[in-house]
Amino acid sequence: MSGTSLDGLDVVHCFFEKENGWKFKVSKGKTFGYDTNWKNRLAAADQINGLELAILHVELGQYHGACVRSFIDEFSVQADFVSSHGHTIFHQPEKSLTLQVGSAPHIAARCGLPVVADFRTLDVALGGQGAPLVPIGDKLLFGEFDGCLNLGGIANISFKGKSEQDKTLAFDICTCNMALNAMAQLVNKEYDAGGKLARSGEVNDTFLKELNSLSFYKLLSPKSLGKEFYDEHIVPILSKYNISIEDKMRTLVEHIALQIAEVLNQQKEGKVLVTGGGAHNDFLLEKMREKTSLKLVKPDSATIDFKEAIIFAFLGLLRWCNETNTLMSVTGASRDSVGGCIYNVIN
């Protein structure tokens, strides 16, 4: 899994078992951090020409394949296949477009295993948002929770139905680590550890009001966000205000906590699993807990850091078994589907 926060490639080795429902176990997990060259290339990928993008697609696939091979060798693991999300460059479902780079055939060639990839395109072709895809994993792997909140580059949520007949509800909420990390990097930090920088700042009310007034927040689900939203709407607001980085970060935390709490508070009660890099941001969680009565649960560190990778491994397994892995109820597509392509290496 390679996410919009650009921190690196998450690789996990998972076991799945179906007996009275699905169960999973993670044996090993590792993040292969992107160096400055990869961060710069991926951050600028939406501005390069077609040939350069095609080359990036191939070279990122080769790099991801090398990471998987290194992971296999380092931990002496065996696997049936690799499930690869790729790295999203364009996500514009209103144009029937979503693009994840990281060529799956090149991953397969480098690591010597079959690869399942391209999970979003079919849903978009069926009129869906191509996102979020994790809710089926939330439902089948984390069913003891009423909701699952992911604090990644973008914050997203899934709520299970109150009964078997009720549909799962899921959507993207707002920008999260994509904005917070960008601010931290302006003061030479990869991220704001524990939210200390944000905690030292003050809320700018005008800045906060402008962030909260963005029209996306008034849309009903299904709805999804990509880097385009951040570049078009968040960056101009961040650039507009001549205030300290700490004040910008404090205001961003307030904005994120408010938007998430507004969504959570539509549920009268419940227990919500909180994962993703933002779950390590103590200050953000503190602000969220101040604004909602729902119980926010932080799991073990492996689940916090690798939940999305675990679920994409699971989506790959469902594709491998030709079972539904994409829900029309959350993406808005015309039907459920079995998303993904399989690239098989024959030994």
Protein backbone atom coordinates (compact mmCIF):
# COMPACT_ATOMS: atom_id res chain seq x y z
CA MET A 1 0.00 0.00 0.00
CA SER A 2 1.36 3.42 -1.04
CA GLY A 3 -0.74 6.29 0.26
CA THR A 4 -1.22 9.98 -0.41
CA SER A 5 0.91 10.98 2.59
CA LEU A 6 4.00 9.85 0.60
CA ASP A 7 5.69 8.25 3.60
CA GLY A 8 6.54 5.02 1.79
CA LEU A 9 5.41 1.55 0.78
CA ASP A 10 3.69 -0.52 3.46
CA VAL A 11 4.25 -4.27 3.08
CA VAL A 12 2.55 -6.85 5.30
CA HIS A 13 2.51 -10.63 5.32
CA CYS A 14 -1.02 -11.78 6.18
CA PHE A 15 -2.83 -15.05 6.76
CA PHE A 16 -6.60 -15.27 6.24
CA GLU A 17 -8.96 -18.00 7.38
CA LYS A 18 -12.70 -18.37 6.80
CA GLU A 19 -14.41 -20.30 9.57
CA ASN A 20 -17.52 -18.78 11.17
CA GLY A 21 -16.54 -15.54 9.48
CA TRP A 22 -13.21 -14.22 8.30
CA LYS A 23 -10.18 -13.99 10.57
CA PHE A 24 -6.70 -12.64 9.85
CA LYS A 25 -3.22 -12.63 11.32
CA VAL A 26 -0.24 -10.43 10.48
CA SER A 27 3.11 -12.18 10.77
CA LYS A 28 5.39 -9.35 9.61
CA GLY A 29 5.09 -5.73 8.53
CA LYS A 30 7.52 -3.14 7.25
CA THR A 31 7.41 0.32 5.68
CA PHE A 32 9.95 0.99 2.95
CA GLY A 33 10.33 4.76 3.27
CA TYR A 34 10.45 6.82 0.10
CA ASP A 35 13.66 8.79 -0.30
CA THR A 36 13.61 12.42 -1.45
CA ASN A 37 13.84 11.42 -5.11
CA TRP A 38 10.75 9.19 -4.95
CA LYS A 39 8.80 11.72 -2.90
CA ASN A 40 9.54 14.46 -5.41
CA ARG A 41 8.73 12.28 -8.41
CA LEU A 42 5.42 11.08 -6.98
CA ALA A 43 4.42 14.53 -5.75
CA ALA A 44 5.00 16.00 -9.24
CA ALA A 45 3.59 13.07 -11.22
CA ASP A 46 0.31 14.83 -12.03
CA GLN A 47 2.27 17.53 -13.90
CA ILE A 48 4.54 15.42 -16.15
CA ASN A 49 3.96 14.35 -19.75
CA GLY A 50 2.56 11.02 -20.89
CA LEU A 51 5.89 9.35 -21.64
CA GLU A 52 7.36 10.42 -18.31
CA LEU A 53 4.27 9.11 -16.51
CA ALA A 54 4.54 5.77 -18.34
CA ILE A 55 8.21 5.51 -17.33
CA LEU A 56 7.31 6.37 -13.72
CA HIS A 57 4.64 3.64 -13.78
CA VAL A 58 7.22 1.05 -14.85
CA GLU A 59 10.02 2.19 -12.55
CA LEU A 60 7.75 2.40 -9.49
CA GLY A 61 6.54 -1.13 -10.26
CA GLN A 62 10.13 -2.32 -10.45
CA TYR A 63 10.92 -0.60 -7.15
CA HIS A 64 7.82 -2.01 -5.41
CA GLY A 65 8.69 -5.46 -6.75
CA ALA A 66 12.21 -5.12 -5.37
CA CYS A 67 10.78 -4.07 -1.99
CA VAL A 68 8.55 -7.15 -1.91
CA ARG A 69 11.47 -9.40 -2.86
CA SER A 70 13.59 -7.80 -0.13
CA PHE A 71 10.77 -8.28 2.40
CA ILE A 72 10.41 -11.97 1.46
CA ASP A 73 14.14 -12.54 1.78
CA GLU A 74 14.51 -10.57 5.02
CA PHE A 75 11.70 -12.36 6.86
CA SER A 76 11.86 -15.74 5.05
CA VAL A 77 8.14 -15.68 4.29
CA GLN A 78 6.12 -17.60 1.73
CA ALA A 79 3.11 -16.15 -0.07
CA ASP A 80 0.47 -17.22 -2.58
CA PHE A 81 0.36 -13.83 -4.28
CA VAL A 82 0.97 -10.11 -3.86
CA SER A 83 -1.90 -7.64 -3.62
CA SER A 84 -0.85 -4.17 -4.80
CA HIS A 85 -2.85 -0.96 -4.49
CA GLY A 86 -0.29 1.14 -6.34
CA HIS A 87 0.12 4.89 -5.85
CA THR A 88 -2.76 7.16 -6.88
CA ILE A 89 -1.82 9.96 -9.28
CA PHE A 90 -5.25 10.94 -10.64
CA HIS A 91 -8.62 10.32 -9.05
CA GLN A 92 -11.41 12.04 -10.98
CA PRO A 93 -14.41 9.68 -10.93
CA GLU A 94 -16.64 12.38 -12.42
CA LYS A 95 -14.56 11.85 -15.59
CA SER A 96 -14.64 8.05 -15.13
CA LEU A 97 -10.93 8.27 -14.32
CA THR A 98 -8.71 6.88 -11.61
CA LEU A 99 -5.02 6.06 -12.07
CA GLN A 100 -2.69 4.18 -9.75
CA VAL A 101 0.93 3.79 -10.88
CA GLY A 102 3.29 0.97 -9.99
CA SER A 103 3.14 -1.52 -12.86
CA ALA A 104 1.83 -4.87 -11.58
CA PRO A 105 3.53 -6.95 -14.30
CA HIS A 106 6.86 -5.43 -13.30
CA ILE A 107 6.15 -6.16 -9.63
CA ALA A 108 5.44 -9.79 -10.57
CA ALA A 109 8.59 -10.02 -12.66
CA ARG A 110 10.77 -8.61 -9.87
CA CYS A 111 9.38 -10.58 -6.93
CA GLY A 112 8.47 -13.83 -8.74
CA LEU A 113 4.88 -14.02 -7.42
CA PRO A 114 1.46 -13.47 -9.00
CA VAL A 115 0.15 -9.95 -8.45
CA VAL A 116 -3.42 -8.73 -8.00
CA ALA A 117 -3.76 -5.01 -8.78
CA ASP A 118 -5.92 -2.21 -10.27
CA PHE A 119 -8.76 -2.43 -7.76
CA ARG A 120 -10.52 0.85 -8.50
CA THR A 121 -10.96 1.11 -12.29
CA LEU A 122 -13.86 -1.31 -12.75
CA ASP A 123 -15.96 0.43 -10.11
CA VAL A 124 -15.32 3.81 -11.75
CA ALA A 125 -16.29 2.32 -15.12
CA LEU A 126 -19.55 1.19 -13.47
CA GLY A 127 -20.29 4.78 -12.48
CA GLY A 128 -18.87 4.57 -8.95
CA GLN A 129 -16.39 6.71 -7.07
CA GLY A 130 -13.79 3.92 -7.06
CA ALA A 131 -13.56 4.66 -3.35
CA PRO A 132 -13.67 3.90 -0.56
CA LEU A 133 -12.79 0.23 -1.03
CA VAL A 134 -11.89 -0.69 2.55
CA PRO A 135 -15.49 -0.95 3.90
CA ILE A 136 -15.94 -4.58 2.85
CA GLY A 137 -12.75 -5.38 4.78
CA ASP A 138 -13.98 -3.33 7.72
CA LYS A 139 -17.24 -5.27 7.67
CA LEU A 140 -15.72 -8.74 7.37
CA LEU A 141 -12.49 -8.34 9.39
CA PHE A 142 -13.38 -5.68 12.00
CA GLY A 143 -17.08 -6.35 12.49
CA GLU A 144 -16.93 -5.86 16.27
CA PHE A 145 -16.71 -2.09 15.70
CA ASP A 146 -19.59 0.16 14.72
CA GLY A 147 -17.27 2.23 12.56
CA CYS A 148 -13.71 2.30 11.23
CA LEU A 149 -11.92 5.64 10.87
CA ASN A 150 -8.71 5.87 8.87
CA LEU A 151 -6.50 8.91 9.47
CA GLY A 152 -4.22 8.72 6.45
CA GLY A 153 -3.36 11.36 3.89
CA ILE A 154 -7.14 11.67 3.68
CA ALA A 155 -9.51 10.85 6.55
CA ASN A 156 -12.22 8.35 5.66
CA ILE A 157 -14.87 6.44 7.56
CA SER A 158 -17.05 3.36 7.21
CA PHE A 159 -20.10 2.55 9.34
CA LYS A 160 -21.64 -0.89 9.37
CA GLY A 161 -25.40 -1.20 9.10
CA LYS A 162 -27.45 -1.63 12.25
CA SER A 163 -28.72 -4.95 10.91
CA GLU A 164 -27.75 -7.46 8.23
CA GLN A 165 -30.24 -5.78 5.87
CA ASP A 166 -28.75 -2.29 6.32
CA LYS A 167 -26.11 -1.18 3.86
CA THR A 168 -22.58 -0.23 4.85
CA LEU A 169 -22.04 3.55 4.73
CA ALA A 170 -18.59 4.86 3.86
CA PHE A 171 -16.96 7.95 2.37
CA ASP A 172 -13.98 10.31 2.51
CA ILE A 173 -14.31 13.07 5.13
CA CYS A 174 -11.51 15.60 4.70
CA THR A 175 -7.81 16.09 4.14
CA CYS A 176 -5.66 14.85 7.02
CA ASN A 177 -1.96 13.92 7.01
CA MET A 178 -1.55 15.22 3.47
CA ALA A 179 -1.92 18.75 4.85
CA LEU A 180 -0.37 18.21 8.29
CA ASN A 181 2.75 16.54 6.89
CA ALA A 182 3.18 19.26 4.26
CA MET A 183 3.21 21.89 7.00
CA ALA A 184 5.63 19.89 9.18
CA GLN A 185 8.01 19.51 6.25
CA LEU A 186 8.26 23.30 5.98
CA VAL A 187 10.10 23.21 9.32
CA ASN A 188 12.23 20.20 8.29
CA LYS A 189 10.18 17.51 10.03
CA GLU A 190 8.69 14.51 8.22
CA TYR A 191 5.56 14.79 10.33
CA ASP A 192 4.32 16.39 13.55
CA ALA A 193 5.18 13.69 16.10
CA GLY A 194 2.36 13.43 18.62
CA GLY A 195 0.92 16.73 17.37
CA LYS A 196 3.44 18.77 19.38
CA LEU A 197 3.81 21.53 16.78
CA ALA A 198 0.05 21.91 16.41
CA ARG A 199 -0.42 21.92 20.18
CA SER A 200 1.94 24.90 20.48
CA GLY A 201 -0.08 27.00 18.01
CA GLU A 202 -3.36 28.88 18.19
CA VAL A 203 -6.53 28.59 16.12
CA ASN A 204 -7.00 31.30 13.51
CA ASP A 205 -10.78 31.73 13.33
CA THR A 206 -10.88 33.24 9.83
CA PHE A 207 -8.66 30.50 8.45
CA LEU A 208 -10.78 27.85 10.18
CA LYS A 209 -14.03 29.30 8.87
CA GLU A 210 -12.73 29.28 5.30
CA LEU A 211 -11.62 25.65 5.58
CA ASN A 212 -14.97 24.59 7.04
CA SER A 213 -16.91 26.38 4.31
CA LEU A 214 -15.60 24.18 1.47
CA SER A 215 -18.53 22.86 -0.55
CA PHE A 216 -17.35 19.21 -0.42
CA TYR A 217 -18.53 18.95 3.18
CA LYS A 218 -22.12 19.64 2.14
CA LEU A 219 -22.19 16.76 -0.37
CA LEU A 220 -23.97 13.55 0.50
CA SER A 221 -22.19 10.20 0.17
CA PRO A 222 -20.96 8.47 -1.89
CA LYS A 223 -18.12 10.95 -2.20
CA SER A 224 -14.35 10.67 -2.39
CA LEU A 225 -11.27 12.89 -2.33
CA GLY A 226 -7.92 12.84 -4.09
CA LYS A 227 -4.80 14.95 -4.36
CA GLU A 228 -6.73 17.17 -6.76
CA PHE A 229 -8.96 18.41 -3.93
CA TYR A 230 -5.95 19.19 -1.77
CA ASP A 231 -4.14 21.06 -4.56
CA GLU A 232 -7.21 22.97 -5.75
CA HIS A 233 -8.87 23.87 -2.46
CA ILE A 234 -6.57 23.35 0.55
CA VAL A 235 -3.23 24.65 -0.78
CA PRO A 236 -4.62 28.08 -1.84
CA ILE A 237 -6.10 28.58 1.64
CA LEU A 238 -2.85 27.50 3.33
CA SER A 239 -0.91 29.93 1.13
CA LYS A 240 -3.30 32.81 1.75
CA TYR A 241 -2.69 33.31 5.47
CA ASN A 242 0.51 34.91 6.75
CA ILE A 243 0.56 33.18 10.12
CA SER A 244 3.03 30.82 11.78
CA ILE A 245 3.34 27.17 10.76
CA GLU A 246 2.29 26.22 14.30
CA ASP A 247 -0.90 28.29 14.01
CA LYS A 248 -1.67 26.77 10.61
CA MET A 249 -1.20 23.28 12.02
CA ARG A 250 -3.30 24.05 15.09
CA THR A 251 -6.08 25.36 12.84
CA LEU A 252 -5.81 22.34 10.55
CA VAL A 253 -6.14 19.99 13.54
CA GLU A 254 -9.23 21.90 14.69
CA HIS A 255 -10.70 21.68 11.18
CA ILE A 256 -10.00 17.95 10.84
CA ALA A 257 -11.38 17.20 14.31
CA LEU A 258 -14.53 19.25 13.63
CA GLN A 259 -15.24 17.59 10.28
CA ILE A 260 -14.68 14.10 11.69
CA ALA A 261 -16.75 14.78 14.80
CA GLU A 262 -19.61 16.13 12.70
CA VAL A 263 -19.70 12.81 10.86
CA LEU A 264 -19.29 10.69 14.01
CA ASN A 265 -22.00 12.57 15.87
CA GLN A 266 -24.59 11.54 13.30
CA GLN A 267 -24.32 8.20 15.11
CA LYS A 268 -25.85 8.44 18.59
CA GLU A 269 -23.48 5.91 20.14
CA GLY A 270 -20.90 3.32 19.19
CA LYS A 271 -17.31 2.17 19.17
CA VAL A 272 -15.01 3.37 16.39
CA LEU A 273 -11.66 1.86 15.43
CA VAL A 274 -9.04 4.54 14.66
CA THR A 275 -6.07 3.63 12.45
CA GLY A 276 -3.62 5.21 10.02
CA GLY A 277 -0.67 7.48 10.73
CA GLY A 278 -2.93 10.10 12.29
CA ALA A 279 -3.78 7.67 15.10
CA HIS A 280 -0.28 8.43 16.45
CA ASN A 281 -1.16 12.14 16.60
CA ASP A 282 -2.15 12.39 20.26
CA PHE A 283 -3.24 16.01 19.96
CA LEU A 284 -5.56 15.28 17.02
CA LEU A 285 -7.20 12.41 18.91
CA GLU A 286 -7.53 14.59 21.98
CA LYS A 287 -9.38 17.24 19.95
CA MET A 288 -11.60 14.60 18.32
CA ARG A 289 -12.51 13.09 21.70
CA GLU A 290 -13.48 16.53 22.97
CA LYS A 291 -16.00 16.85 20.15
CA THR A 292 -17.69 13.41 20.11
CA SER A 293 -19.19 11.04 22.65
CA LEU A 294 -18.46 7.97 20.55
CA LYS A 295 -15.71 5.73 21.91
CA LEU A 296 -12.53 6.03 19.81
CA VAL A 297 -10.38 2.90 20.05
CA LYS A 298 -6.68 2.72 19.10
CA PRO A 299 -5.67 -0.90 18.37
CA ASP A 300 -2.21 -2.48 18.41
CA SER A 301 0.53 -0.69 16.48
CA ALA A 302 0.54 -3.20 13.59
CA THR A 303 -3.17 -2.60 12.95
CA ILE A 304 -2.73 1.19 13.28
CA ASP A 305 0.12 1.30 10.79
CA PHE A 306 -0.87 -1.43 8.36
CA LYS A 307 -4.68 -1.70 8.40
CA GLU A 308 -5.10 -0.43 4.84
CA ALA A 309 -2.39 -2.80 3.59
CA ILE A 310 -4.10 -5.66 5.46
CA ILE A 311 -7.43 -4.84 3.85
CA PHE A 312 -5.95 -4.57 0.35
CA ALA A 313 -4.36 -7.97 0.91
CA PHE A 314 -7.88 -9.15 1.76
CA LEU A 315 -9.38 -7.47 -1.32
CA GLY A 316 -6.75 -9.30 -3.36
CA LEU A 317 -7.80 -12.58 -1.75
CA LEU A 318 -11.45 -11.94 -2.60
CA ARG A 319 -10.42 -11.21 -6.21
CA TRP A 320 -8.28 -14.36 -6.23
CA CYS A 321 -11.37 -16.33 -5.14
CA ASN A 322 -13.63 -14.42 -7.57
CA GLU A 323 -15.77 -13.03 -4.73
CA THR A 324 -17.28 -9.54 -4.48
CA ASN A 325 -14.75 -7.03 -3.15
CA THR A 326 -16.36 -3.70 -4.09
CA LEU A 327 -19.72 -2.51 -2.73
CA MET A 328 -22.04 -0.34 -4.80
CA SER A 329 -23.65 0.89 -1.56
CA VAL A 330 -20.51 2.85 -0.67
CA THR A 331 -19.08 3.75 -4.09
CA GLY A 332 -22.32 4.61 -5.88
CA ALA A 333 -21.62 2.21 -8.77
CA SER A 334 -24.45 0.56 -10.69
CA ARG A 335 -23.62 -2.84 -9.15
CA ASP A 336 -21.25 -4.69 -6.84
CA SER A 337 -18.14 -5.99 -8.57
CA VAL A 338 -15.03 -8.13 -8.33
CA GLY A 339 -12.34 -5.53 -8.92
CA GLY A 340 -8.73 -6.18 -9.83
CA CYS A 341 -6.52 -7.82 -12.45
CA ILE A 342 -4.29 -10.84 -11.90
CA TYR A 343 -0.79 -11.09 -13.39
CA ASN A 344 0.50 -14.61 -12.98
CA VAL A 345 4.13 -15.70 -13.12
CA ILE A 346 4.49 -19.35 -14.10
CA ASN A 347 7.47 -21.13 -12.63
